[in-house]
Amino acid sequence: MAHYKAAESKREQFRRYLEKSGVLDTLTKVLVALYEEPEKPNSALDFLKHHLGAATPENPEIELLRLELAEMKEKYEAIVEENKKLKAKLAQYEPPQEEKRAE
């Protein structure tokens, strides 16, 4: 009988742990979404994986890639702006297009 109570106590502790960490709430929401889906997907497991994957914290590597992408976008914009300035500067020293054709 003592063994039964110890196992029951461990289960209750684990249930409380899942509840505190939000796992039960998240699973419930995903299962409700599956239940309310008008056209049931062919693979319920894939549905769960997709919806749970969206709810998980970001992978650190993904966050690093996002930061790198943002940096590259900034560099790109700076280079585009520099290119515009250099083209304008170059245009000052080149003859107009009409004079080139006349030659």
PDB file of N, CA and C in Angstrom:
ATOM      1  N   MET A   1       0.819  -1.192   0.000  1.00  0.00           N
ATOM      2  CA  MET A   1       0.000   0.000   0.000  1.00  0.00           C
ATOM      3  C   MET A   1       0.871   1.267   0.000  1.00  0.00           C
ATOM      4  N   ALA A   2       1.989   1.252   0.708  1.00  0.00           N
ATOM      5  CA  ALA A   2       2.883   2.399   0.772  1.00  0.00           C
ATOM      6  C   ALA A   2       3.477   2.687  -0.605  1.00  0.00           C
ATOM      7  N   HIS A   3       3.782   1.619  -1.334  1.00  0.00           N
ATOM      8  CA  HIS A   3       4.339   1.775  -2.683  1.00  0.00           C
ATOM      9  C   HIS A   3       3.320   2.463  -3.600  1.00  0.00           C
ATOM     10  N   TYR A   4       2.052   2.114  -3.460  1.00  0.00           N
ATOM     11  CA  TYR A   4       0.983   2.709  -4.252  1.00  0.00           C
ATOM     12  C   TYR A   4       0.869   4.210  -3.967  1.00  0.00           C
ATOM     13  N   LYS A   5       0.955   4.610  -2.708  1.00  0.00           N
ATOM     14  CA  LYS A   5       0.848   6.030  -2.336  1.00  0.00           C
ATOM     15  C   LYS A   5       2.061   6.820  -2.842  1.00  0.00           C
ATOM     16  N   ALA A   6       3.249   6.200  -2.813  1.00  0.00           N
ATOM     17  CA  ALA A   6       4.451   6.878  -3.295  1.00  0.00           C
ATOM     18  C   ALA A   6       4.336   7.130  -4.801  1.00  0.00           C
ATOM     19  N   ALA A   7       3.846   6.133  -5.525  1.00  0.00           N
ATOM     20  CA  ALA A   7       3.676   6.294  -6.966  1.00  0.00           C
ATOM     21  C   ALA A   7       2.612   7.349  -7.256  1.00  0.00           C
ATOM     22  N   GLU A   8       1.539   7.332  -6.505  1.00  0.00           N
ATOM     23  CA  GLU A   8       0.471   8.308  -6.684  1.00  0.00           C
ATOM     24  C   GLU A   8       0.988   9.717  -6.372  1.00  0.00           C
ATOM     25  N   SER A   9       1.813   9.831  -5.337  1.00  0.00           N
ATOM     26  CA  SER A   9       2.377  11.122  -4.960  1.00  0.00           C
ATOM     27  C   SER A   9       3.291  11.648  -6.069  1.00  0.00           C
ATOM     28  N   LYS A  10       4.107  10.765  -6.646  1.00  0.00           N
ATOM     29  CA  LYS A  10       4.991  11.170  -7.740  1.00  0.00           C
ATOM     30  C   LYS A  10       4.173  11.637  -8.943  1.00  0.00           C
ATOM     31  N   ARG A  11       3.101  10.928  -9.230  1.00  0.00           N
ATOM     32  CA  ARG A  11       2.233  11.325 -10.346  1.00  0.00           C
ATOM     33  C   ARG A  11       1.637  12.698 -10.094  1.00  0.00           C
ATOM     34  N   GLU A  12       1.178  12.912  -8.876  1.00  0.00           N
ATOM     35  CA  GLU A  12       0.569  14.202  -8.536  1.00  0.00           C
ATOM     36  C   GLU A  12       1.600  15.327  -8.639  1.00  0.00           C
ATOM     37  N   GLN A  13       2.825  15.065  -8.185  1.00  0.00           N
ATOM     38  CA  GLN A  13       3.898  16.061  -8.294  1.00  0.00           C
ATOM     39  C   GLN A  13       4.189  16.372  -9.759  1.00  0.00           C
ATOM     40  N   PHE A  14       4.236  15.314 -10.567  1.00  0.00           N
ATOM     41  CA  PHE A  14       4.523  15.505 -11.986  1.00  0.00           C
ATOM     42  C   PHE A  14       3.391  16.290 -12.661  1.00  0.00           C
ATOM     43  N   ARG A  15       2.150  15.984 -12.315  1.00  0.00           N
ATOM     44  CA  ARG A  15       1.004  16.690 -12.866  1.00  0.00           C
ATOM     45  C   ARG A  15       1.078  18.182 -12.504  1.00  0.00           C
ATOM     46  N   ARG A  16       1.415  18.480 -11.247  1.00  0.00           N
ATOM     47  CA  ARG A  16       1.537  19.876 -10.815  1.00  0.00           C
ATOM     48  C   ARG A  16       2.671  20.586 -11.559  1.00  0.00           C
ATOM     49  N   TYR A  17       3.764  19.847 -11.769  1.00  0.00           N
ATOM     50  CA  TYR A  17       4.900  20.392 -12.516  1.00  0.00           C
ATOM     51  C   TYR A  17       4.469  20.758 -13.937  1.00  0.00           C
ATOM     52  N   LEU A  18       3.746  19.847 -14.603  1.00  0.00           N
ATOM     53  CA  LEU A  18       3.269  20.117 -15.959  1.00  0.00           C
ATOM     54  C   LEU A  18       2.298  21.292 -15.985  1.00  0.00           C
ATOM     55  N   GLU A  19       1.482  21.380 -14.976  1.00  0.00           N
ATOM     56  CA  GLU A  19       0.516  22.469 -14.896  1.00  0.00           C
ATOM     57  C   GLU A  19       1.222  23.802 -14.686  1.00  0.00           C
ATOM     58  N   LYS A  20       2.201  23.842 -13.760  1.00  0.00           N
ATOM     59  CA  LYS A  20       2.939  25.079 -13.475  1.00  0.00           C
ATOM     60  C   LYS A  20       3.705  25.571 -14.688  1.00  0.00           C
ATOM     61  N   SER A  21       4.293  24.637 -15.428  1.00  0.00           N
ATOM     62  CA  SER A  21       5.130  25.034 -16.560  1.00  0.00           C
ATOM     63  C   SER A  21       4.321  25.363 -17.808  1.00  0.00           C
ATOM     64  N   GLY A  22       3.002  25.190 -17.734  1.00  0.00           N
ATOM     65  CA  GLY A  22       2.156  25.569 -18.865  1.00  0.00           C
ATOM     66  C   GLY A  22       1.979  24.478 -19.913  1.00  0.00           C
ATOM     67  N   VAL A  23       2.537  23.307 -19.663  1.00  0.00           N
ATOM     68  CA  VAL A  23       2.449  22.220 -20.634  1.00  0.00           C
ATOM     69  C   VAL A  23       1.006  21.761 -20.806  1.00  0.00           C
ATOM     70  N   LEU A  24       0.307  21.572 -19.705  1.00  0.00           N
ATOM     71  CA  LEU A  24      -1.078  21.105 -19.792  1.00  0.00           C
ATOM     72  C   LEU A  24      -1.943  22.110 -20.547  1.00  0.00           C
ATOM     73  N   ASP A  25      -1.756  23.374 -20.267  1.00  0.00           N
ATOM     74  CA  ASP A  25      -2.537  24.413 -20.930  1.00  0.00           C
ATOM     75  C   ASP A  25      -2.258  24.415 -22.436  1.00  0.00           C
ATOM     76  N   THR A  26      -0.981  24.326 -22.807  1.00  0.00           N
ATOM     77  CA  THR A  26      -0.607  24.337 -24.219  1.00  0.00           C
ATOM     78  C   THR A  26      -1.148  23.114 -24.940  1.00  0.00           C
ATOM     79  N   LEU A  27      -0.999  21.946 -24.330  1.00  0.00           N
ATOM     80  CA  LEU A  27      -1.525  20.728 -24.943  1.00  0.00           C
ATOM     81  C   LEU A  27      -3.043  20.807 -25.106  1.00  0.00           C
ATOM     82  N   THR A  28      -3.693  21.324 -24.094  1.00  0.00           N
ATOM     83  CA  THR A  28      -5.150  21.454 -24.159  1.00  0.00           C
ATOM     84  C   THR A  28      -5.554  22.371 -25.306  1.00  0.00           C
ATOM     85  N   LYS A  29      -4.871  23.496 -25.449  1.00  0.00           N
ATOM     86  CA  LYS A  29      -5.197  24.437 -26.524  1.00  0.00           C
ATOM     87  C   LYS A  29      -5.006  23.807 -27.900  1.00  0.00           C
ATOM     88  N   VAL A  30      -3.918  23.065 -28.067  1.00  0.00           N
ATOM     89  CA  VAL A  30      -3.646  22.438 -29.362  1.00  0.00           C
ATOM     90  C   VAL A  30      -4.674  21.348 -29.649  1.00  0.00           C
ATOM     91  N   LEU A  31      -5.011  20.570 -28.646  1.00  0.00           N
ATOM     92  CA  LEU A  31      -6.017  19.517 -28.846  1.00  0.00           C
ATOM     93  C   LEU A  31      -7.393  20.116 -29.140  1.00  0.00           C
ATOM     94  N   VAL A  32      -7.729  21.209 -28.495  1.00  0.00           N
ATOM     95  CA  VAL A  32      -8.998  21.886 -28.775  1.00  0.00           C
ATOM     96  C   VAL A  32      -8.992  22.415 -30.210  1.00  0.00           C
ATOM     97  N   ALA A  33      -7.858  22.978 -30.638  1.00  0.00           N
ATOM     98  CA  ALA A  33      -7.747  23.472 -32.016  1.00  0.00           C
ATOM     99  C   ALA A  33      -7.941  22.333 -33.011  1.00  0.00           C
ATOM    100  N   LEU A  34      -7.375  21.177 -32.720  1.00  0.00           N
ATOM    101  CA  LEU A  34      -7.554  20.007 -33.581  1.00  0.00           C
ATOM    102  C   LEU A  34      -9.010  19.568 -33.587  1.00  0.00           C
ATOM    103  N   TYR A  35      -9.636  19.568 -32.437  1.00  0.00           N
ATOM    104  CA  TYR A  35     -11.036  19.181 -32.315  1.00  0.00           C
ATOM    105  C   TYR A  35     -11.942  20.124 -33.110  1.00  0.00           C
ATOM    106  N   GLU A  36     -11.623  21.424 -33.053  1.00  0.00           N
ATOM    107  CA  GLU A  36     -12.455  22.422 -33.717  1.00  0.00           C
ATOM    108  C   GLU A  36     -12.137  22.582 -35.203  1.00  0.00           C
ATOM    109  N   GLU A  37     -11.101  21.927 -35.671  1.00  0.00           N
ATOM    110  CA  GLU A  37     -10.721  21.986 -37.084  1.00  0.00           C
ATOM    111  C   GLU A  37     -11.857  21.405 -37.938  1.00  0.00           C
ATOM    112  N   PRO A  38     -12.421  22.212 -38.876  1.00  0.00           N
ATOM    113  CA  PRO A  38     -13.552  21.708 -39.665  1.00  0.00           C
ATOM    114  C   PRO A  38     -13.179  20.500 -40.530  1.00  0.00           C
ATOM    115  N   GLU A  39     -12.014  20.578 -41.165  1.00  0.00           N
ATOM    116  CA  GLU A  39     -11.541  19.444 -41.956  1.00  0.00           C
ATOM    117  C   GLU A  39     -10.354  18.850 -41.223  1.00  0.00           C
ATOM    118  N   LYS A  40     -10.556  17.682 -40.676  1.00  0.00           N
ATOM    119  CA  LYS A  40      -9.498  17.044 -39.891  1.00  0.00           C
ATOM    120  C   LYS A  40      -8.303  16.731 -40.795  1.00  0.00           C
ATOM    121  N   PRO A  41      -7.098  17.027 -40.327  1.00  0.00           N
ATOM    122  CA  PRO A  41      -5.902  16.732 -41.128  1.00  0.00           C
ATOM    123  C   PRO A  41      -5.692  15.220 -41.242  1.00  0.00           C
ATOM    124  N   ASN A  42      -4.972  14.825 -42.284  1.00  0.00           N
ATOM    125  CA  ASN A  42      -4.674  13.404 -42.472  1.00  0.00           C
ATOM    126  C   ASN A  42      -3.839  12.859 -41.317  1.00  0.00           C
ATOM    127  N   SER A  43      -2.938  13.685 -40.819  1.00  0.00           N
ATOM    128  CA  SER A  43      -2.073  13.245 -39.733  1.00  0.00           C
ATOM    129  C   SER A  43      -2.268  14.159 -38.522  1.00  0.00           C
ATOM    130  N   ALA A  44      -2.919  13.630 -37.520  1.00  0.00           N
ATOM    131  CA  ALA A  44      -3.117  14.395 -36.293  1.00  0.00           C
ATOM    132  C   ALA A  44      -1.779  14.694 -35.629  1.00  0.00           C
ATOM    133  N   LEU A  45      -0.849  13.756 -35.734  1.00  0.00           N
ATOM    134  CA  LEU A  45       0.469  13.955 -35.131  1.00  0.00           C
ATOM    135  C   LEU A  45       1.204  15.119 -35.778  1.00  0.00           C
ATOM    136  N   ASP A  46       1.133  15.213 -37.109  1.00  0.00           N
ATOM    137  CA  ASP A  46       1.770  16.347 -37.794  1.00  0.00           C
ATOM    138  C   ASP A  46       1.113  17.666 -37.392  1.00  0.00           C
ATOM    139  N   PHE A  47      -0.196  17.649 -37.220  1.00  0.00           N
ATOM    140  CA  PHE A  47      -0.918  18.836 -36.762  1.00  0.00           C
ATOM    141  C   PHE A  47      -0.388  19.272 -35.402  1.00  0.00           C
ATOM    142  N   LEU A  48      -0.258  18.308 -34.493  1.00  0.00           N
ATOM    143  CA  LEU A  48       0.248  18.617 -33.149  1.00  0.00           C
ATOM    144  C   LEU A  48       1.679  19.132 -33.206  1.00  0.00           C
ATOM    145  N   LYS A  49       2.513  18.470 -33.991  1.00  0.00           N
ATOM    146  CA  LYS A  49       3.915  18.897 -34.108  1.00  0.00           C
ATOM    147  C   LYS A  49       3.999  20.323 -34.641  1.00  0.00           C
ATOM    148  N   HIS A  50       3.197  20.612 -35.664  1.00  0.00           N
ATOM    149  CA  HIS A  50       3.229  21.952 -36.263  1.00  0.00           C
ATOM    150  C   HIS A  50       2.795  23.009 -35.253  1.00  0.00           C
ATOM    151  N   HIS A  51       1.700  22.750 -34.558  1.00  0.00           N
ATOM    152  CA  HIS A  51       1.182  23.745 -33.627  1.00  0.00           C
ATOM    153  C   HIS A  51       2.010  23.843 -32.353  1.00  0.00           C
ATOM    154  N   LEU A  52       2.584  22.763 -31.927  1.00  0.00           N
ATOM    155  CA  LEU A  52       3.453  22.822 -30.747  1.00  0.00           C
ATOM    156  C   LEU A  52       4.788  23.451 -31.098  1.00  0.00           C
ATOM    157  N   GLY A  53       5.252  23.199 -32.304  1.00  0.00           N
ATOM    158  CA  GLY A  53       6.516  23.785 -32.743  1.00  0.00           C
ATOM    159  C   GLY A  53       6.447  25.291 -32.775  1.00  0.00           C
ATOM    160  N   ALA A  54       5.294  25.830 -33.125  1.00  0.00           N
ATOM    161  CA  ALA A  54       5.120  27.283 -33.173  1.00  0.00           C
ATOM    162  C   ALA A  54       5.078  27.876 -31.779  1.00  0.00           C
ATOM    163  N   ALA A  55       4.733  27.060 -30.792  1.00  0.00           N
ATOM    164  CA  ALA A  55       4.589  27.570 -29.432  1.00  0.00           C
ATOM    165  C   ALA A  55       5.869  27.419 -28.617  1.00  0.00           C
ATOM    166  N   THR A  56       6.862  26.724 -29.155  1.00  0.00           N
ATOM    167  CA  THR A  56       8.088  26.512 -28.394  1.00  0.00           C
ATOM    168  C   THR A  56       8.990  27.736 -28.492  1.00  0.00           C
ATOM    169  N   PRO A  57       9.860  27.922 -27.523  1.00  0.00           N
ATOM    170  CA  PRO A  57      10.787  29.051 -27.583  1.00  0.00           C
ATOM    171  C   PRO A  57      11.715  28.925 -28.795  1.00  0.00           C
ATOM    172  N   GLU A  58      12.209  30.045 -29.247  1.00  0.00           N
ATOM    173  CA  GLU A  58      13.076  30.068 -30.414  1.00  0.00           C
ATOM    174  C   GLU A  58      14.376  29.315 -30.157  1.00  0.00           C
ATOM    175  N   ASN A  59      14.812  28.641 -31.170  1.00  0.00           N
ATOM    176  CA  ASN A  59      16.113  27.992 -31.143  1.00  0.00           C
ATOM    177  C   ASN A  59      17.166  29.112 -31.148  1.00  0.00           C
ATOM    178  N   PRO A  60      18.179  29.024 -30.293  1.00  0.00           N
ATOM    179  CA  PRO A  60      19.195  30.103 -30.251  1.00  0.00           C
ATOM    180  C   PRO A  60      19.868  30.331 -31.601  1.00  0.00           C
ATOM    181  N   GLU A  61      20.032  29.278 -32.373  1.00  0.00           N
ATOM    182  CA  GLU A  61      20.660  29.416 -33.683  1.00  0.00           C
ATOM    183  C   GLU A  61      19.776  30.254 -34.615  1.00  0.00           C
ATOM    184  N   ILE A  62      18.480  30.076 -34.517  1.00  0.00           N
ATOM    185  CA  ILE A  62      17.552  30.850 -35.342  1.00  0.00           C
ATOM    186  C   ILE A  62      17.648  32.323 -34.971  1.00  0.00           C
ATOM    187  N   GLU A  63      17.732  32.598 -33.688  1.00  0.00           N
ATOM    188  CA  GLU A  63      17.842  33.991 -33.243  1.00  0.00           C
ATOM    189  C   GLU A  63      19.139  34.621 -33.754  1.00  0.00           C
ATOM    190  N   LEU A  64      20.234  33.860 -33.726  1.00  0.00           N
ATOM    191  CA  LEU A  64      21.506  34.368 -34.251  1.00  0.00           C
ATOM    192  C   LEU A  64      21.395  34.659 -35.746  1.00  0.00           C
ATOM    193  N   LEU A  65      20.726  33.777 -36.467  1.00  0.00           N
ATOM    194  CA  LEU A  65      20.547  33.993 -37.904  1.00  0.00           C
ATOM    195  C   LEU A  65      19.689  35.229 -38.170  1.00  0.00           C
ATOM    196  N   ARG A  66      18.689  35.457 -37.336  1.00  0.00           N
ATOM    197  CA  ARG A  66      17.852  36.654 -37.498  1.00  0.00           C
ATOM    198  C   ARG A  66      18.673  37.917 -37.272  1.00  0.00           C
ATOM    199  N   LEU A  67      19.523  37.893 -36.257  1.00  0.00           N
ATOM    200  CA  LEU A  67      20.383  39.050 -35.992  1.00  0.00           C
ATOM    201  C   LEU A  67      21.340  39.281 -37.153  1.00  0.00           C
ATOM    202  N   GLU A  68      21.917  38.201 -37.662  1.00  0.00           N
ATOM    203  CA  GLU A  68      22.839  38.306 -38.789  1.00  0.00           C
ATOM    204  C   GLU A  68      22.115  38.860 -40.015  1.00  0.00           C
ATOM    205  N   LEU A  69      20.900  38.399 -40.244  1.00  0.00           N
ATOM    206  CA  LEU A  69      20.113  38.893 -41.371  1.00  0.00           C
ATOM    207  C   LEU A  69      19.849  40.391 -41.224  1.00  0.00           C
ATOM    208  N   ALA A  70      19.505  40.821 -40.026  1.00  0.00           N
ATOM    209  CA  ALA A  70      19.254  42.248 -39.790  1.00  0.00           C
ATOM    210  C   ALA A  70      20.513  43.072 -40.061  1.00  0.00           C
ATOM    211  N   GLU A  71      21.665  42.568 -39.628  1.00  0.00           N
ATOM    212  CA  GLU A  71      22.929  43.267 -39.884  1.00  0.00           C
ATOM    213  C   GLU A  71      23.205  43.353 -41.380  1.00  0.00           C
ATOM    214  N   MET A  72      22.984  42.256 -42.078  1.00  0.00           N
ATOM    215  CA  MET A  72      23.231  42.229 -43.520  1.00  0.00           C
ATOM    216  C   MET A  72      22.297  43.190 -44.256  1.00  0.00           C
ATOM    217  N   LYS A  73      21.058  43.297 -43.794  1.00  0.00           N
ATOM    218  CA  LYS A  73      20.123  44.244 -44.411  1.00  0.00           C
ATOM    219  C   LYS A  73      20.606  45.669 -44.223  1.00  0.00           C
ATOM    220  N   GLU A  74      21.101  45.965 -43.025  1.00  0.00           N
ATOM    221  CA  GLU A  74      21.625  47.310 -42.767  1.00  0.00           C
ATOM    222  C   GLU A  74      22.819  47.606 -43.663  1.00  0.00           C
ATOM    223  N   LYS A  75      23.730  46.647 -43.781  1.00  0.00           N
ATOM    224  CA  LYS A  75      24.906  46.821 -44.641  1.00  0.00           C
ATOM    225  C   LYS A  75      24.476  47.014 -46.089  1.00  0.00           C
ATOM    226  N   TYR A  76      23.501  46.232 -46.524  1.00  0.00           N
ATOM    227  CA  TYR A  76      23.003  46.335 -47.893  1.00  0.00           C
ATOM    228  C   TYR A  76      22.453  47.732 -48.151  1.00  0.00           C
ATOM    229  N   GLU A  77      21.634  48.225 -47.234  1.00  0.00           N
ATOM    230  CA  GLU A  77      21.051  49.560 -47.396  1.00  0.00           C
ATOM    231  C   GLU A  77      22.150  50.621 -47.449  1.00  0.00           C
ATOM    232  N   ALA A  78      23.173  50.478 -46.616  1.00  0.00           N
ATOM    233  CA  ALA A  78      24.283  51.443 -46.612  1.00  0.00           C
ATOM    234  C   ALA A  78      25.023  51.395 -47.943  1.00  0.00           C
ATOM    235  N   ILE A  79      25.227  50.202 -48.477  1.00  0.00           N
ATOM    236  CA  ILE A  79      25.934  50.061 -49.752  1.00  0.00           C
ATOM    237  C   ILE A  79      25.100  50.626 -50.899  1.00  0.00           C
ATOM    238  N   VAL A  80      23.801  50.410 -50.870  1.00  0.00           N
ATOM    239  CA  VAL A  80      22.918  50.970 -51.903  1.00  0.00           C
ATOM    240  C   VAL A  80      22.989  52.503 -51.862  1.00  0.00           C
ATOM    241  N   GLU A  81      22.950  53.054 -50.665  1.00  0.00           N
ATOM    242  CA  GLU A  81      23.028  54.509 -50.520  1.00  0.00           C
ATOM    243  C   GLU A  81      24.374  55.031 -51.022  1.00  0.00           C
ATOM    244  N   GLU A  82      25.454  54.347 -50.674  1.00  0.00           N
ATOM    245  CA  GLU A  82      26.785  54.745 -51.141  1.00  0.00           C
ATOM    246  C   GLU A  82      26.861  54.661 -52.660  1.00  0.00           C
ATOM    247  N   ASN A  83      26.260  53.627 -53.215  1.00  0.00           N
ATOM    248  CA  ASN A  83      26.261  53.457 -54.666  1.00  0.00           C
ATOM    249  C   ASN A  83      25.545  54.626 -55.348  1.00  0.00           C
ATOM    250  N   LYS A  84      24.435  55.055 -54.796  1.00  0.00           N
ATOM    251  CA  LYS A  84      23.700  56.198 -55.363  1.00  0.00           C
ATOM    252  C   LYS A  84      24.572  57.451 -55.343  1.00  0.00           C
ATOM    253  N   LYS A  85      25.250  57.677 -54.216  1.00  0.00           N
ATOM    254  CA  LYS A  85      26.106  58.868 -54.101  1.00  0.00           C
ATOM    255  C   LYS A  85      27.252  58.814 -55.099  1.00  0.00           C
ATOM    256  N   LEU A  86      27.853  57.634 -55.238  1.00  0.00           N
ATOM    257  CA  LEU A  86      28.972  57.502 -56.173  1.00  0.00           C
ATOM    258  C   LEU A  86      28.512  57.683 -57.621  1.00  0.00           C
ATOM    259  N   LYS A  87      27.319  57.185 -57.940  1.00  0.00           N
ATOM    260  CA  LYS A  87      26.797  57.381 -59.296  1.00  0.00           C
ATOM    261  C   LYS A  87      26.552  58.864 -59.562  1.00  0.00           C
ATOM    262  N   ALA A  88      26.028  59.570 -58.576  1.00  0.00           N
ATOM    263  CA  ALA A  88      25.784  61.005 -58.734  1.00  0.00           C
ATOM    264  C   ALA A  88      27.102  61.747 -58.910  1.00  0.00           C
ATOM    265  N   LYS A  89      28.098  61.363 -58.142  1.00  0.00           N
ATOM    266  CA  LYS A  89      29.412  61.994 -58.240  1.00  0.00           C
ATOM    267  C   LYS A  89      30.034  61.715 -59.607  1.00  0.00           C
ATOM    268  N   LEU A  90      29.902  60.489 -60.066  1.00  0.00           N
ATOM    269  CA  LEU A  90      30.442  60.096 -61.361  1.00  0.00           C
ATOM    270  C   LEU A  90      29.741  60.849 -62.491  1.00  0.00           C
ATOM    271  N   ALA A  91      28.456  61.064 -62.337  1.00  0.00           N
ATOM    272  CA  ALA A  91      27.689  61.765 -63.363  1.00  0.00           C
ATOM    273  C   ALA A  91      28.196  63.200 -63.550  1.00  0.00           C
ATOM    274  N   GLN A  92      28.781  63.782 -62.518  1.00  0.00           N
ATOM    275  CA  GLN A  92      29.318  65.133 -62.632  1.00  0.00           C
ATOM    276  C   GLN A  92      30.505  65.168 -63.589  1.00  0.00           C
ATOM    277  N   TYR A  93      31.267  64.098 -63.653  1.00  0.00           N
ATOM    278  CA  TYR A  93      32.487  64.073 -64.457  1.00  0.00           C
ATOM    279  C   TYR A  93      32.281  63.463 -65.837  1.00  0.00           C
ATOM    280  N   GLU A  94      31.158  62.831 -66.065  1.00  0.00           N
ATOM    281  CA  GLU A  94      30.887  62.251 -67.377  1.00  0.00           C
ATOM    282  C   GLU A  94      30.077  63.245 -68.200  1.00  0.00           C
ATOM    283  N   PRO A  95      30.316  63.236 -69.498  1.00  0.00           N
ATOM    284  CA  PRO A  95      29.503  64.133 -70.342  1.00  0.00           C
ATOM    285  C   PRO A  95      28.065  63.610 -70.390  1.00  0.00           C
ATOM    286  N   PRO A  96      27.112  64.502 -70.608  1.00  0.00           N
ATOM    287  CA  PRO A  96      25.725  64.063 -70.719  1.00  0.00           C
ATOM    288  C   PRO A  96      25.560  63.044 -71.843  1.00  0.00           C
ATOM    289  N   GLN A  97      24.546  62.243 -71.795  1.00  0.00           N
ATOM    290  CA  GLN A  97      24.306  61.181 -72.769  1.00  0.00           C
ATOM    291  C   GLN A  97      24.186  61.729 -74.189  1.00  0.00           C
ATOM    292  N   GLU A  98      23.610  62.913 -74.379  1.00  0.00           N
ATOM    293  CA  GLU A  98      23.429  63.490 -75.707  1.00  0.00           C
ATOM    294  C   GLU A  98      24.763  63.794 -76.360  1.00  0.00           C
ATOM    295  N   GLU A  99      25.733  64.311 -75.591  1.00  0.00           N
ATOM    296  CA  GLU A  99      27.041  64.632 -76.146  1.00  0.00           C
ATOM    297  C   GLU A  99      27.761  63.366 -76.566  1.00  0.00           C
ATOM    298  N   LYS A 100      27.580  62.276 -75.860  1.00  0.00           N
ATOM    299  CA  LYS A 100      28.225  61.013 -76.195  1.00  0.00           C
ATOM    300  C   LYS A 100      27.737  60.528 -77.563  1.00  0.00           C
ATOM    301  N   ARG A 101      26.440  60.650 -77.826  1.00  0.00           N
ATOM    302  CA  ARG A 101      25.857  60.176 -79.089  1.00  0.00           C
ATOM    303  C   ARG A 101      26.347  61.023 -80.262  1.00  0.00           C
ATOM    304  N   ALA A 102      26.541  62.300 -80.027  1.00  0.00           N
ATOM    305  CA  ALA A 102      26.963  63.202 -81.113  1.00  0.00           C
ATOM    306  C   ALA A 102      28.369  62.872 -81.583  1.00  0.00           C
ATOM    307  N   GLU A 103      29.172  62.312 -80.751  1.00  0.00           N
ATOM    308  CA  GLU A 103      30.575  62.040 -81.122  1.00  0.00           C
ATOM    309  C   GLU A 103      30.668  60.905 -82.036  1.00  0.00           C
TER     310      GLU A 103
END
